[in-house]
Amino acid sequence: MNKSQLEFFRKLLEQRRAALENGAADTVVEMTDDDETFPDPNDRATLESDRNFTLRIRDRERKLISKIDKAMQRIEDGSFGICEECGCEISTRRLEARPVTTLCIECKEEQERKEKARKA
């Protein structure tokens, strides 16, 4: 992978990380500003359900931030875009779709087939 491609992916990862961090900050503000009381238990239950859903999303985003950090480290150490399983280069189309990936499409498909077989 050439320097311009690596720089493109570095900027892409930085932008995604910043967007995730901004969303997390907004969630904190929204959850701490809620000063409403609900006389109806159903309204309260809906609010709690929505909050739980939001927290699950934020937890997934926290994990994605960790993957972004690891991808940035791979850019630094020169292993970005190399499949951890087979050592082949990961296609730029795949990296554009999922820049935190560590597996080429063939190895990922094989991993999914094995997981599916185990569950069956």
PDB file of N, CA and C in Angstrom:
ATOM      1  N   MET A   1       0.845  -1.169   0.000  1.00  0.00           N
ATOM      2  CA  MET A   1       0.000   0.000   0.000  1.00  0.00           C
ATOM      3  C   MET A   1       0.895   1.238   0.000  1.00  0.00           C
ATOM      4  N   ASN A   2       0.557   2.196  -0.846  1.00  0.00           N
ATOM      5  CA  ASN A   2       1.407   3.381  -0.951  1.00  0.00           C
ATOM      6  C   ASN A   2       1.056   4.432   0.113  1.00  0.00           C
ATOM      7  N   LYS A   3       1.887   5.457   0.196  1.00  0.00           N
ATOM      8  CA  LYS A   3       1.740   6.470   1.249  1.00  0.00           C
ATOM      9  C   LYS A   3       0.431   7.235   1.143  1.00  0.00           C
ATOM     10  N   SER A   4       0.007   7.547  -0.070  1.00  0.00           N
ATOM     11  CA  SER A   4      -1.239   8.308  -0.226  1.00  0.00           C
ATOM     12  C   SER A   4      -2.442   7.476   0.228  1.00  0.00           C
ATOM     13  N   GLN A   5      -2.430   6.176  -0.056  1.00  0.00           N
ATOM     14  CA  GLN A   5      -3.514   5.313   0.411  1.00  0.00           C
ATOM     15  C   GLN A   5      -3.512   5.222   1.933  1.00  0.00           C
ATOM     16  N   LEU A   6      -2.333   5.072   2.522  1.00  0.00           N
ATOM     17  CA  LEU A   6      -2.240   5.013   3.983  1.00  0.00           C
ATOM     18  C   LEU A   6      -2.733   6.314   4.610  1.00  0.00           C
ATOM     19  N   GLU A   7      -2.396   7.428   4.002  1.00  0.00           N
ATOM     20  CA  GLU A   7      -2.845   8.724   4.525  1.00  0.00           C
ATOM     21  C   GLU A   7      -4.364   8.850   4.404  1.00  0.00           C
ATOM     22  N   PHE A   8      -4.922   8.366   3.301  1.00  0.00           N
ATOM     23  CA  PHE A   8      -6.377   8.369   3.131  1.00  0.00           C
ATOM     24  C   PHE A   8      -7.048   7.584   4.265  1.00  0.00           C
ATOM     25  N   PHE A   9      -6.535   6.394   4.550  1.00  0.00           N
ATOM     26  CA  PHE A   9      -7.129   5.568   5.597  1.00  0.00           C
ATOM     27  C   PHE A   9      -6.897   6.157   6.989  1.00  0.00           C
ATOM     28  N   ARG A  10      -5.772   6.787   7.186  1.00  0.00           N
ATOM     29  CA  ARG A  10      -5.505   7.439   8.476  1.00  0.00           C
ATOM     30  C   ARG A  10      -6.545   8.542   8.723  1.00  0.00           C
ATOM     31  N   LYS A  11      -6.792   9.362   7.710  1.00  0.00           N
ATOM     32  CA  LYS A  11      -7.772  10.445   7.843  1.00  0.00           C
ATOM     33  C   LYS A  11      -9.183   9.884   8.030  1.00  0.00           C
ATOM     34  N   LEU A  12      -9.506   8.846   7.290  1.00  0.00           N
ATOM     35  CA  LEU A  12     -10.821   8.207   7.413  1.00  0.00           C
ATOM     36  C   LEU A  12     -11.031   7.690   8.837  1.00  0.00           C
ATOM     37  N   LEU A  13     -10.038   7.018   9.364  1.00  0.00           N
ATOM     38  CA  LEU A  13     -10.130   6.480  10.727  1.00  0.00           C
ATOM     39  C   LEU A  13     -10.219   7.605  11.760  1.00  0.00           C
ATOM     40  N   GLU A  14      -9.460   8.666  11.567  1.00  0.00           N
ATOM     41  CA  GLU A  14      -9.510   9.795  12.493  1.00  0.00           C
ATOM     42  C   GLU A  14     -10.887  10.444  12.481  1.00  0.00           C
ATOM     43  N   GLN A  15     -11.475  10.583  11.291  1.00  0.00           N
ATOM     44  CA  GLN A  15     -12.809  11.178  11.181  1.00  0.00           C
ATOM     45  C   GLN A  15     -13.856  10.304  11.868  1.00  0.00           C
ATOM     46  N   ARG A  16     -13.783   9.015  11.654  1.00  0.00           N
ATOM     47  CA  ARG A  16     -14.754   8.108  12.290  1.00  0.00           C
ATOM     48  C   ARG A  16     -14.602   8.116  13.801  1.00  0.00           C
ATOM     49  N   ARG A  17     -13.368   8.163  14.270  1.00  0.00           N
ATOM     50  CA  ARG A  17     -13.127   8.194  15.713  1.00  0.00           C
ATOM     51  C   ARG A  17     -13.698   9.468  16.321  1.00  0.00           C
ATOM     52  N   ALA A  18     -13.464  10.600  15.674  1.00  0.00           N
ATOM     53  CA  ALA A  18     -13.973  11.880  16.165  1.00  0.00           C
ATOM     54  C   ALA A  18     -15.498  11.884  16.202  1.00  0.00           C
ATOM     55  N   ALA A  19     -16.125  11.338  15.167  1.00  0.00           N
ATOM     56  CA  ALA A  19     -17.591  11.285  15.127  1.00  0.00           C
ATOM     57  C   ALA A  19     -18.131  10.424  16.268  1.00  0.00           C
ATOM     58  N   LEU A  20     -17.491   9.297  16.536  1.00  0.00           N
ATOM     59  CA  LEU A  20     -17.921   8.426  17.629  1.00  0.00           C
ATOM     60  C   LEU A  20     -17.754   9.108  18.982  1.00  0.00           C
ATOM     61  N   GLU A  21     -16.652   9.803  19.161  1.00  0.00           N
ATOM     62  CA  GLU A  21     -16.419  10.504  20.426  1.00  0.00           C
ATOM     63  C   GLU A  21     -17.430  11.629  20.628  1.00  0.00           C
ATOM     64  N   ASN A  22     -17.775  12.338  19.557  1.00  0.00           N
ATOM     65  CA  ASN A  22     -18.781  13.393  19.665  1.00  0.00           C
ATOM     66  C   ASN A  22     -20.139  12.823  20.038  1.00  0.00           C
ATOM     67  N   GLY A  23     -20.486  11.687  19.456  1.00  0.00           N
ATOM     68  CA  GLY A  23     -21.753  11.039  19.786  1.00  0.00           C
ATOM     69  C   GLY A  23     -21.800  10.608  21.239  1.00  0.00           C
ATOM     70  N   ALA A  24     -20.688  10.120  21.749  1.00  0.00           N
ATOM     71  CA  ALA A  24     -20.627   9.705  23.149  1.00  0.00           C
ATOM     72  C   ALA A  24     -20.789  10.905  24.071  1.00  0.00           C
ATOM     73  N   ALA A  25     -20.155  12.013  23.719  1.00  0.00           N
ATOM     74  CA  ALA A  25     -20.275  13.220  24.538  1.00  0.00           C
ATOM     75  C   ALA A  25     -21.715  13.732  24.532  1.00  0.00           C
ATOM     76  N   ASP A  26     -22.366  13.677  23.382  1.00  0.00           N
ATOM     77  CA  ASP A  26     -23.764  14.105  23.293  1.00  0.00           C
ATOM     78  C   ASP A  26     -24.659  13.230  24.163  1.00  0.00           C
ATOM     79  N   THR A  27     -24.388  11.943  24.194  1.00  0.00           N
ATOM     80  CA  THR A  27     -25.185  11.024  25.005  1.00  0.00           C
ATOM     81  C   THR A  27     -25.059  11.362  26.478  1.00  0.00           C
ATOM     82  N   VAL A  28     -23.852  11.646  26.922  1.00  0.00           N
ATOM     83  CA  VAL A  28     -23.639  11.996  28.327  1.00  0.00           C
ATOM     84  C   VAL A  28     -24.447  13.239  28.677  1.00  0.00           C
ATOM     85  N   VAL A  29     -24.399  14.246  27.802  1.00  0.00           N
ATOM     86  CA  VAL A  29     -25.144  15.478  28.057  1.00  0.00           C
ATOM     87  C   VAL A  29     -26.636  15.193  28.091  1.00  0.00           C
ATOM     88  N   GLU A  30     -27.142  14.433  27.130  1.00  0.00           N
ATOM     89  CA  GLU A  30     -28.567  14.123  27.075  1.00  0.00           C
ATOM     90  C   GLU A  30     -29.032  13.357  28.309  1.00  0.00           C
ATOM     91  N   MET A  31     -28.239  12.409  28.760  1.00  0.00           N
ATOM     92  CA  MET A  31     -28.664  11.578  29.889  1.00  0.00           C
ATOM     93  C   MET A  31     -28.562  12.320  31.216  1.00  0.00           C
ATOM     94  N   THR A  32     -27.666  13.261  31.317  1.00  0.00           N
ATOM     95  CA  THR A  32     -27.546  13.997  32.571  1.00  0.00           C
ATOM     96  C   THR A  32     -28.489  15.189  32.620  1.00  0.00           C
ATOM     97  N   ASP A  33     -28.950  15.662  31.468  1.00  0.00           N
ATOM     98  CA  ASP A  33     -29.880  16.793  31.430  1.00  0.00           C
ATOM     99  C   ASP A  33     -31.332  16.372  31.645  1.00  0.00           C
ATOM    100  N   ASP A  34     -31.620  15.099  31.500  1.00  0.00           N
ATOM    101  CA  ASP A  34     -32.992  14.619  31.667  1.00  0.00           C
ATOM    102  C   ASP A  34     -33.438  14.803  33.103  1.00  0.00           C
ATOM    103  N   ASP A  35     -34.321  15.742  33.304  1.00  0.00           N
ATOM    104  CA  ASP A  35     -34.804  16.050  34.647  1.00  0.00           C
ATOM    105  C   ASP A  35     -36.305  15.815  34.734  1.00  0.00           C
ATOM    106  N   GLU A  36     -36.809  15.027  33.801  1.00  0.00           N
ATOM    107  CA  GLU A  36     -38.244  14.830  33.712  1.00  0.00           C
ATOM    108  C   GLU A  36     -38.723  13.762  34.685  1.00  0.00           C
ATOM    109  N   THR A  37     -39.917  13.991  35.176  1.00  0.00           N
ATOM    110  CA  THR A  37     -40.597  12.974  35.983  1.00  0.00           C
ATOM    111  C   THR A  37     -41.821  12.536  35.205  1.00  0.00           C
ATOM    112  N   PHE A  38     -42.106  11.271  35.288  1.00  0.00           N
ATOM    113  CA  PHE A  38     -43.216  10.709  34.532  1.00  0.00           C
ATOM    114  C   PHE A  38     -44.222  10.081  35.487  1.00  0.00           C
ATOM    115  N   PRO A  39     -45.427  10.660  35.537  1.00  0.00           N
ATOM    116  CA  PRO A  39     -46.442  10.055  36.401  1.00  0.00           C
ATOM    117  C   PRO A  39     -46.937   8.716  35.853  1.00  0.00           C
ATOM    118  N   ASP A  40     -46.823   8.550  34.531  1.00  0.00           N
ATOM    119  CA  ASP A  40     -47.278   7.310  33.905  1.00  0.00           C
ATOM    120  C   ASP A  40     -46.129   6.308  33.864  1.00  0.00           C
ATOM    121  N   PRO A  41     -46.281   5.143  34.470  1.00  0.00           N
ATOM    122  CA  PRO A  41     -45.203   4.134  34.471  1.00  0.00           C
ATOM    123  C   PRO A  41     -44.801   3.683  33.067  1.00  0.00           C
ATOM    124  N   ASN A  42     -45.749   3.698  32.137  1.00  0.00           N
ATOM    125  CA  ASN A  42     -45.419   3.297  30.762  1.00  0.00           C
ATOM    126  C   ASN A  42     -44.451   4.281  30.110  1.00  0.00           C
ATOM    127  N   ASP A  43     -44.646   5.563  30.362  1.00  0.00           N
ATOM    128  CA  ASP A  43     -43.732   6.561  29.819  1.00  0.00           C
ATOM    129  C   ASP A  43     -42.338   6.390  30.409  1.00  0.00           C
ATOM    130  N   ARG A  44     -42.291   6.120  31.686  1.00  0.00           N
ATOM    131  CA  ARG A  44     -41.004   5.911  32.362  1.00  0.00           C
ATOM    132  C   ARG A  44     -40.303   4.662  31.802  1.00  0.00           C
ATOM    133  N   ALA A  45     -41.090   3.617  31.591  1.00  0.00           N
ATOM    134  CA  ALA A  45     -40.523   2.380  31.049  1.00  0.00           C
ATOM    135  C   ALA A  45     -39.981   2.600  29.641  1.00  0.00           C
ATOM    136  N   THR A  46     -40.681   3.388  28.849  1.00  0.00           N
ATOM    137  CA  THR A  46     -40.220   3.694  27.496  1.00  0.00           C
ATOM    138  C   THR A  46     -38.901   4.459  27.547  1.00  0.00           C
ATOM    139  N   LEU A  47     -38.827   5.439  28.439  1.00  0.00           N
ATOM    140  CA  LEU A  47     -37.586   6.198  28.591  1.00  0.00           C
ATOM    141  C   LEU A  47     -36.429   5.280  28.990  1.00  0.00           C
ATOM    142  N   GLU A  48     -36.658   4.398  29.941  1.00  0.00           N
ATOM    143  CA  GLU A  48     -35.604   3.472  30.381  1.00  0.00           C
ATOM    144  C   GLU A  48     -35.194   2.527  29.258  1.00  0.00           C
ATOM    145  N   SER A  49     -36.144   2.065  28.498  1.00  0.00           N
ATOM    146  CA  SER A  49     -35.840   1.183  27.367  1.00  0.00           C
ATOM    147  C   SER A  49     -34.992   1.922  26.333  1.00  0.00           C
ATOM    148  N   ASP A  50     -35.364   3.153  26.043  1.00  0.00           N
ATOM    149  CA  ASP A  50     -34.590   3.959  25.086  1.00  0.00           C
ATOM    150  C   ASP A  50     -33.171   4.199  25.597  1.00  0.00           C
ATOM    151  N   ARG A  51     -33.037   4.473  26.879  1.00  0.00           N
ATOM    152  CA  ARG A  51     -31.708   4.694  27.457  1.00  0.00           C
ATOM    153  C   ARG A  51     -30.856   3.434  27.376  1.00  0.00           C
ATOM    154  N   ASN A  52     -31.452   2.298  27.679  1.00  0.00           N
ATOM    155  CA  ASN A  52     -30.704   1.038  27.591  1.00  0.00           C
ATOM    156  C   ASN A  52     -30.241   0.772  26.168  1.00  0.00           C
ATOM    157  N   PHE A  53     -31.110   1.045  25.222  1.00  0.00           N
ATOM    158  CA  PHE A  53     -30.759   0.869  23.817  1.00  0.00           C
ATOM    159  C   PHE A  53     -29.593   1.786  23.442  1.00  0.00           C
ATOM    160  N   THR A  54     -29.669   3.032  23.857  1.00  0.00           N
ATOM    161  CA  THR A  54     -28.609   3.999  23.580  1.00  0.00           C
ATOM    162  C   THR A  54     -27.288   3.554  24.209  1.00  0.00           C
ATOM    163  N   LEU A  55     -27.352   3.067  25.429  1.00  0.00           N
ATOM    164  CA  LEU A  55     -26.134   2.614  26.097  1.00  0.00           C
ATOM    165  C   LEU A  55     -25.515   1.402  25.402  1.00  0.00           C
ATOM    166  N   ARG A  56     -26.344   0.508  24.888  1.00  0.00           N
ATOM    167  CA  ARG A  56     -25.813  -0.643  24.134  1.00  0.00           C
ATOM    168  C   ARG A  56     -25.116  -0.170  22.860  1.00  0.00           C
ATOM    169  N   ILE A  57     -25.710   0.820  22.196  1.00  0.00           N
ATOM    170  CA  ILE A  57     -25.081   1.369  20.992  1.00  0.00           C
ATOM    171  C   ILE A  57     -23.748   2.011  21.347  1.00  0.00           C
ATOM    172  N   ARG A  58     -23.723   2.779  22.405  1.00  0.00           N
ATOM    173  CA  ARG A  58     -22.480   3.452  22.821  1.00  0.00           C
ATOM    174  C   ARG A  58     -21.408   2.436  23.214  1.00  0.00           C
ATOM    175  N   ASP A  59     -21.819   1.314  23.797  1.00  0.00           N
ATOM    176  CA  ASP A  59     -20.848   0.273  24.141  1.00  0.00           C
ATOM    177  C   ASP A  59     -20.230  -0.319  22.876  1.00  0.00           C
ATOM    178  N   ARG A  60     -21.055  -0.542  21.868  1.00  0.00           N
ATOM    179  CA  ARG A  60     -20.539  -1.036  20.583  1.00  0.00           C
ATOM    180  C   ARG A  60     -19.597  -0.017  19.955  1.00  0.00           C
ATOM    181  N   GLU A  61     -19.959   1.257  20.091  1.00  0.00           N
ATOM    182  CA  GLU A  61     -19.102   2.311  19.540  1.00  0.00           C
ATOM    183  C   GLU A  61     -17.787   2.401  20.302  1.00  0.00           C
ATOM    184  N   ARG A  62     -17.825   2.175  21.606  1.00  0.00           N
ATOM    185  CA  ARG A  62     -16.591   2.168  22.406  1.00  0.00           C
ATOM    186  C   ARG A  62     -15.653   1.068  21.913  1.00  0.00           C
ATOM    187  N   LYS A  63     -16.219  -0.094  21.619  1.00  0.00           N
ATOM    188  CA  LYS A  63     -15.412  -1.194  21.090  1.00  0.00           C
ATOM    189  C   LYS A  63     -14.861  -0.852  19.710  1.00  0.00           C
ATOM    190  N   LEU A  64     -15.660  -0.134  18.917  1.00  0.00           N
ATOM    191  CA  LEU A  64     -15.195   0.273  17.590  1.00  0.00           C
ATOM    192  C   LEU A  64     -14.056   1.276  17.701  1.00  0.00           C
ATOM    193  N   ILE A  65     -14.113   2.168  18.680  1.00  0.00           N
ATOM    194  CA  ILE A  65     -13.009   3.114  18.892  1.00  0.00           C
ATOM    195  C   ILE A  65     -11.722   2.355  19.188  1.00  0.00           C
ATOM    196  N   SER A  66     -11.829   1.301  19.983  1.00  0.00           N
ATOM    197  CA  SER A  66     -10.658   0.478  20.280  1.00  0.00           C
ATOM    198  C   SER A  66     -10.105  -0.158  18.999  1.00  0.00           C
ATOM    199  N   LYS A  67     -10.990  -0.631  18.130  1.00  0.00           N
ATOM    200  CA  LYS A  67     -10.547  -1.215  16.860  1.00  0.00           C
ATOM    201  C   LYS A  67      -9.919  -0.159  15.964  1.00  0.00           C
ATOM    202  N   ILE A  68     -10.458   1.054  15.999  1.00  0.00           N
ATOM    203  CA  ILE A  68      -9.881   2.145  15.212  1.00  0.00           C
ATOM    204  C   ILE A  68      -8.472   2.442  15.705  1.00  0.00           C
ATOM    205  N   ASP A  69      -8.299   2.484  17.027  1.00  0.00           N
ATOM    206  CA  ASP A  69      -6.969   2.724  17.588  1.00  0.00           C
ATOM    207  C   ASP A  69      -5.973   1.648  17.148  1.00  0.00           C
ATOM    208  N   LYS A  70      -6.429   0.406  17.129  1.00  0.00           N
ATOM    209  CA  LYS A  70      -5.551  -0.684  16.689  1.00  0.00           C
ATOM    210  C   LYS A  70      -5.218  -0.559  15.207  1.00  0.00           C
ATOM    211  N   ALA A  71      -6.194  -0.139  14.401  1.00  0.00           N
ATOM    212  CA  ALA A  71      -5.947   0.055  12.971  1.00  0.00           C
ATOM    213  C   ALA A  71      -4.943   1.188  12.755  1.00  0.00           C
ATOM    214  N   MET A  72      -5.057   2.254  13.550  1.00  0.00           N
ATOM    215  CA  MET A  72      -4.099   3.360  13.451  1.00  0.00           C
ATOM    216  C   MET A  72      -2.693   2.872  13.813  1.00  0.00           C
ATOM    217  N   GLN A  73      -2.612   1.990  14.799  1.00  0.00           N
ATOM    218  CA  GLN A  73      -1.313   1.435  15.180  1.00  0.00           C
ATOM    219  C   GLN A  73      -0.742   0.570  14.050  1.00  0.00           C
ATOM    220  N   ARG A  74      -1.619  -0.166  13.367  1.00  0.00           N
ATOM    221  CA  ARG A  74      -1.158  -0.971  12.237  1.00  0.00           C
ATOM    222  C   ARG A  74      -0.641  -0.089  11.100  1.00  0.00           C
ATOM    223  N   ILE A  75      -1.260   1.077  10.922  1.00  0.00           N
ATOM    224  CA  ILE A  75      -0.741   2.010   9.919  1.00  0.00           C
ATOM    225  C   ILE A  75       0.673   2.431  10.303  1.00  0.00           C
ATOM    226  N   GLU A  76       0.868   2.715  11.581  1.00  0.00           N
ATOM    227  CA  GLU A  76       2.185   3.152  12.066  1.00  0.00           C
ATOM    228  C   GLU A  76       3.246   2.060  11.927  1.00  0.00           C
ATOM    229  N   ASP A  77       2.862   0.817  12.237  1.00  0.00           N
ATOM    230  CA  ASP A  77       3.885  -0.245  12.210  1.00  0.00           C
ATOM    231  C   ASP A  77       4.008  -0.940  10.853  1.00  0.00           C
ATOM    232  N   GLY A  78       3.194  -0.497   9.881  1.00  0.00           N
ATOM    233  CA  GLY A  78       3.327  -1.025   8.525  1.00  0.00           C
ATOM    234  C   GLY A  78       2.550  -2.293   8.240  1.00  0.00           C
ATOM    235  N   SER A  79       1.691  -2.737   9.165  1.00  0.00           N
ATOM    236  CA  SER A  79       0.940  -3.976   8.931  1.00  0.00           C
ATOM    237  C   SER A  79      -0.504  -3.722   8.514  1.00  0.00           C
ATOM    238  N   PHE A  80      -0.877  -2.464   8.321  1.00  0.00           N
ATOM    239  CA  PHE A  80      -2.245  -2.138   7.905  1.00  0.00           C
ATOM    240  C   PHE A  80      -2.487  -2.662   6.496  1.00  0.00           C
ATOM    241  N   GLY A  81      -3.641  -3.289   6.308  1.00  0.00           N
ATOM    242  CA  GLY A  81      -4.000  -3.796   4.986  1.00  0.00           C
ATOM    243  C   GLY A  81      -3.446  -5.170   4.681  1.00  0.00           C
ATOM    244  N   ILE A  82      -2.836  -5.807   5.679  1.00  0.00           N
ATOM    245  CA  ILE A  82      -2.304  -7.163   5.513  1.00  0.00           C
ATOM    246  C   ILE A  82      -3.164  -8.108   6.345  1.00  0.00           C
ATOM    247  N   CYS A  83      -3.645  -9.164   5.736  1.00  0.00           N
ATOM    248  CA  CYS A  83      -4.500 -10.135   6.417  1.00  0.00           C
ATOM    249  C   CYS A  83      -3.718 -10.847   7.522  1.00  0.00           C
ATOM    250  N   GLU A  84      -4.292 -10.865   8.719  1.00  0.00           N
ATOM    251  CA  GLU A  84      -3.636 -11.542   9.848  1.00  0.00           C
ATOM    252  C   GLU A  84      -3.597 -13.053   9.669  1.00  0.00           C
ATOM    253  N   GLU A  85      -4.513 -13.575   8.890  1.00  0.00           N
ATOM    254  CA  GLU A  85      -4.617 -15.027   8.732  1.00  0.00           C
ATOM    255  C   GLU A  85      -3.671 -15.566   7.660  1.00  0.00           C
ATOM    256  N   CYS A  86      -3.750 -15.007   6.457  1.00  0.00           N
ATOM    257  CA  CYS A  86      -2.984 -15.571   5.340  1.00  0.00           C
ATOM    258  C   CYS A  86      -1.792 -14.708   4.913  1.00  0.00           C
ATOM    259  N   GLY A  87      -1.737 -13.465   5.381  1.00  0.00           N
ATOM    260  CA  GLY A  87      -0.625 -12.585   5.039  1.00  0.00           C
ATOM    261  C   GLY A  87      -0.763 -11.885   3.701  1.00  0.00           C
ATOM    262  N   CYS A  88      -1.879 -12.099   3.015  1.00  0.00           N
ATOM    263  CA  CYS A  88      -2.107 -11.428   1.734  1.00  0.00           C
ATOM    264  C   CYS A  88      -2.608 -10.005   1.965  1.00  0.00           C
ATOM    265  N   GLU A  89      -2.534  -9.199   0.923  1.00  0.00           N
ATOM    266  CA  GLU A  89      -3.017  -7.828   1.013  1.00  0.00           C
ATOM    267  C   GLU A  89      -4.549  -7.817   0.986  1.00  0.00           C
ATOM    268  N   ILE A  90      -5.135  -7.013   1.865  1.00  0.00           N
ATOM    269  CA  ILE A  90      -6.587  -6.840   1.905  1.00  0.00           C
ATOM    270  C   ILE A  90      -6.942  -5.813   0.842  1.00  0.00           C
ATOM    271  N   SER A  91      -7.987  -6.072   0.070  1.00  0.00           N
ATOM    272  CA  SER A  91      -8.351  -5.163  -1.018  1.00  0.00           C
ATOM    273  C   SER A  91      -8.746  -3.791  -0.469  1.00  0.00           C
ATOM    274  N   THR A  92      -8.441  -2.758  -1.247  1.00  0.00           N
ATOM    275  CA  THR A  92      -8.787  -1.406  -0.807  1.00  0.00           C
ATOM    276  C   THR A  92     -10.302  -1.221  -0.737  1.00  0.00           C
ATOM    277  N   ARG A  93     -11.044  -1.904  -1.586  1.00  0.00           N
ATOM    278  CA  ARG A  93     -12.518  -1.821  -1.510  1.00  0.00           C
ATOM    279  C   ARG A  93     -13.006  -2.329  -0.164  1.00  0.00           C
ATOM    280  N   ARG A  94     -12.434  -3.420   0.311  1.00  0.00           N
ATOM    281  CA  ARG A  94     -12.826  -3.955   1.622  1.00  0.00           C
ATOM    282  C   ARG A  94     -12.415  -2.984   2.725  1.00  0.00           C
ATOM    283  N   LEU A  95     -11.224  -2.434   2.624  1.00  0.00           N
ATOM    284  CA  LEU A  95     -10.751  -1.495   3.636  1.00  0.00           C
ATOM    285  C   LEU A  95     -11.577  -0.208   3.643  1.00  0.00           C
ATOM    286  N   GLU A  96     -12.048   0.222   2.478  1.00  0.00           N
ATOM    287  CA  GLU A  96     -12.908   1.402   2.429  1.00  0.00           C
ATOM    288  C   GLU A  96     -14.229   1.128   3.132  1.00  0.00           C
ATOM    289  N   ALA A  97     -14.757  -0.081   2.961  1.00  0.00           N
ATOM    290  CA  ALA A  97     -16.013  -0.443   3.606  1.00  0.00           C
ATOM    291  C   ALA A  97     -15.838  -0.663   5.105  1.00  0.00           C
ATOM    292  N   ARG A  98     -14.731  -1.265   5.490  1.00  0.00           N
ATOM    293  CA  ARG A  98     -14.472  -1.585   6.905  1.00  0.00           C
ATOM    294  C   ARG A  98     -12.981  -1.404   7.183  1.00  0.00           C
ATOM    295  N   PRO A  99     -12.561  -0.159   7.443  1.00  0.00           N
ATOM    296  CA  PRO A  99     -11.125   0.098   7.595  1.00  0.00           C
ATOM    297  C   PRO A  99     -10.482  -0.541   8.820  1.00  0.00           C
ATOM    298  N   VAL A 100     -11.275  -1.049   9.755  1.00  0.00           N
ATOM    299  CA  VAL A 100     -10.702  -1.683  10.944  1.00  0.00           C
ATOM    300  C   VAL A 100     -10.485  -3.179  10.754  1.00  0.00           C
ATOM    301  N   THR A 101     -10.822  -3.687   9.575  1.00  0.00           N
ATOM    302  CA  THR A 101     -10.726  -5.122   9.345  1.00  0.00           C
ATOM    303  C   THR A 101      -9.279  -5.618   9.418  1.00  0.00           C
ATOM    304  N   THR A 102      -9.144  -6.856   9.837  1.00  0.00           N
ATOM    305  CA  THR A 102      -7.815  -7.479   9.901  1.00  0.00           C
ATOM    306  C   THR A 102      -7.734  -8.721   9.026  1.00  0.00           C
ATOM    307  N   LEU A 103      -8.844  -9.044   8.360  1.00  0.00           N
ATOM    308  CA  LEU A 103      -8.886 -10.245   7.516  1.00  0.00           C
ATOM    309  C   LEU A 103      -9.304  -9.889   6.097  1.00  0.00           C
ATOM    310  N   CYS A 104      -8.707 -10.562   5.125  1.00  0.00           N
ATOM    311  CA  CYS A 104      -9.150 -10.407   3.744  1.00  0.00           C
ATOM    312  C   CYS A 104     -10.523 -11.067   3.623  1.00  0.00           C
ATOM    313  N   ILE A 105     -11.198 -10.812   2.542  1.00  0.00           N
ATOM    314  CA  ILE A 105     -12.570 -11.309   2.390  1.00  0.00           C
ATOM    315  C   ILE A 105     -12.618 -12.839   2.396  1.00  0.00           C
ATOM    316  N   GLU A 106     -11.626 -13.481   1.800  1.00  0.00           N
ATOM    317  CA  GLU A 106     -11.625 -14.942   1.751  1.00  0.00           C
ATOM    318  C   GLU A 106     -11.480 -15.536   3.153  1.00  0.00           C
ATOM    319  N   CYS A 107     -10.571 -14.997   3.930  1.00  0.00           N
ATOM    320  CA  CYS A 107     -10.368 -15.515   5.292  1.00  0.00           C
ATOM    321  C   CYS A 107     -11.568 -15.207   6.179  1.00  0.00           C
ATOM    322  N   LYS A 108     -12.189 -14.048   5.982  1.00  0.00           N
ATOM    323  CA  LYS A 108     -13.372 -13.698   6.764  1.00  0.00           C
ATOM    324  C   LYS A 108     -14.528 -14.633   6.424  1.00  0.00           C
ATOM    325  N   GLU A 109     -14.721 -14.922   5.154  1.00  0.00           N
ATOM    326  CA  GLU A 109     -15.778 -15.849   4.752  1.00  0.00           C
ATOM    327  C   GLU A 109     -15.539 -17.238   5.338  1.00  0.00           C
ATOM    328  N   GLU A 110     -14.284 -17.677   5.322  1.00  0.00           N
ATOM    329  CA  GLU A 110     -13.947 -18.975   5.902  1.00  0.00           C
ATOM    330  C   GLU A 110     -14.228 -18.983   7.404  1.00  0.00           C
ATOM    331  N   GLN A 111     -13.869 -17.907   8.093  1.00  0.00           N
ATOM    332  CA  GLN A 111     -14.134 -17.795   9.524  1.00  0.00           C
ATOM    333  C   GLN A 111     -15.643 -17.872   9.799  1.00  0.00           C
ATOM    334  N   GLU A 112     -16.437 -17.194   8.992  1.00  0.00           N
ATOM    335  CA  GLU A 112     -17.890 -17.214   9.162  1.00  0.00           C
ATOM    336  C   GLU A 112     -18.483 -18.582   8.880  1.00  0.00           C
ATOM    337  N   ARG A 113     -17.935 -19.286   7.888  1.00  0.00           N
ATOM    338  CA  ARG A 113     -18.404 -20.654   7.589  1.00  0.00           C
ATOM    339  C   ARG A 113     -18.142 -21.578   8.793  1.00  0.00           C
ATOM    340  N   LYS A 114     -16.955 -21.453   9.377  1.00  0.00           N
ATOM    341  CA  LYS A 114     -16.614 -22.282  10.533  1.00  0.00           C
ATOM    342  C   LYS A 114     -17.520 -21.965  11.723  1.00  0.00           C
ATOM    343  N   GLU A 115     -17.791 -20.688  11.960  1.00  0.00           N
ATOM    344  CA  GLU A 115     -18.672 -20.300  13.049  1.00  0.00           C
ATOM    345  C   GLU A 115     -20.081 -20.833  12.837  1.00  0.00           C
ATOM    346  N   LYS A 116     -20.549 -20.753  11.601  1.00  0.00           N
ATOM    347  CA  LYS A 116     -21.878 -21.242  11.268  1.00  0.00           C
ATOM    348  C   LYS A 116     -21.968 -22.758  11.461  1.00  0.00           C
ATOM    349  N   ALA A 117     -20.911 -23.469  11.077  1.00  0.00           N
ATOM    350  CA  ALA A 117     -20.874 -24.924  11.231  1.00  0.00           C
ATOM    351  C   ALA A 117     -20.881 -25.320  12.700  1.00  0.00           C
ATOM    352  N   ARG A 118     -20.179 -24.559  13.535  1.00  0.00           N
ATOM    353  CA  ARG A 118     -20.149 -24.841  14.986  1.00  0.00           C
ATOM    354  C   ARG A 118     -21.507 -24.656  15.621  1.00  0.00           C
ATOM    355  N   LYS A 119     -22.256 -23.648  15.160  1.00  0.00           N
ATOM    356  CA  LYS A 119     -23.550 -23.351  15.743  1.00  0.00           C
ATOM    357  C   LYS A 119     -24.622 -24.358  15.295  1.00  0.00           C
ATOM    358  N   ALA A 120     -24.391 -24.967  14.153  1.00  0.00           N
ATOM    359  CA  ALA A 120     -25.386 -25.912  13.609  1.00  0.00           C
ATOM    360  C   ALA A 120     -25.348 -27.248  14.299  1.00  0.00           C
TER     361      ALA A 120
END
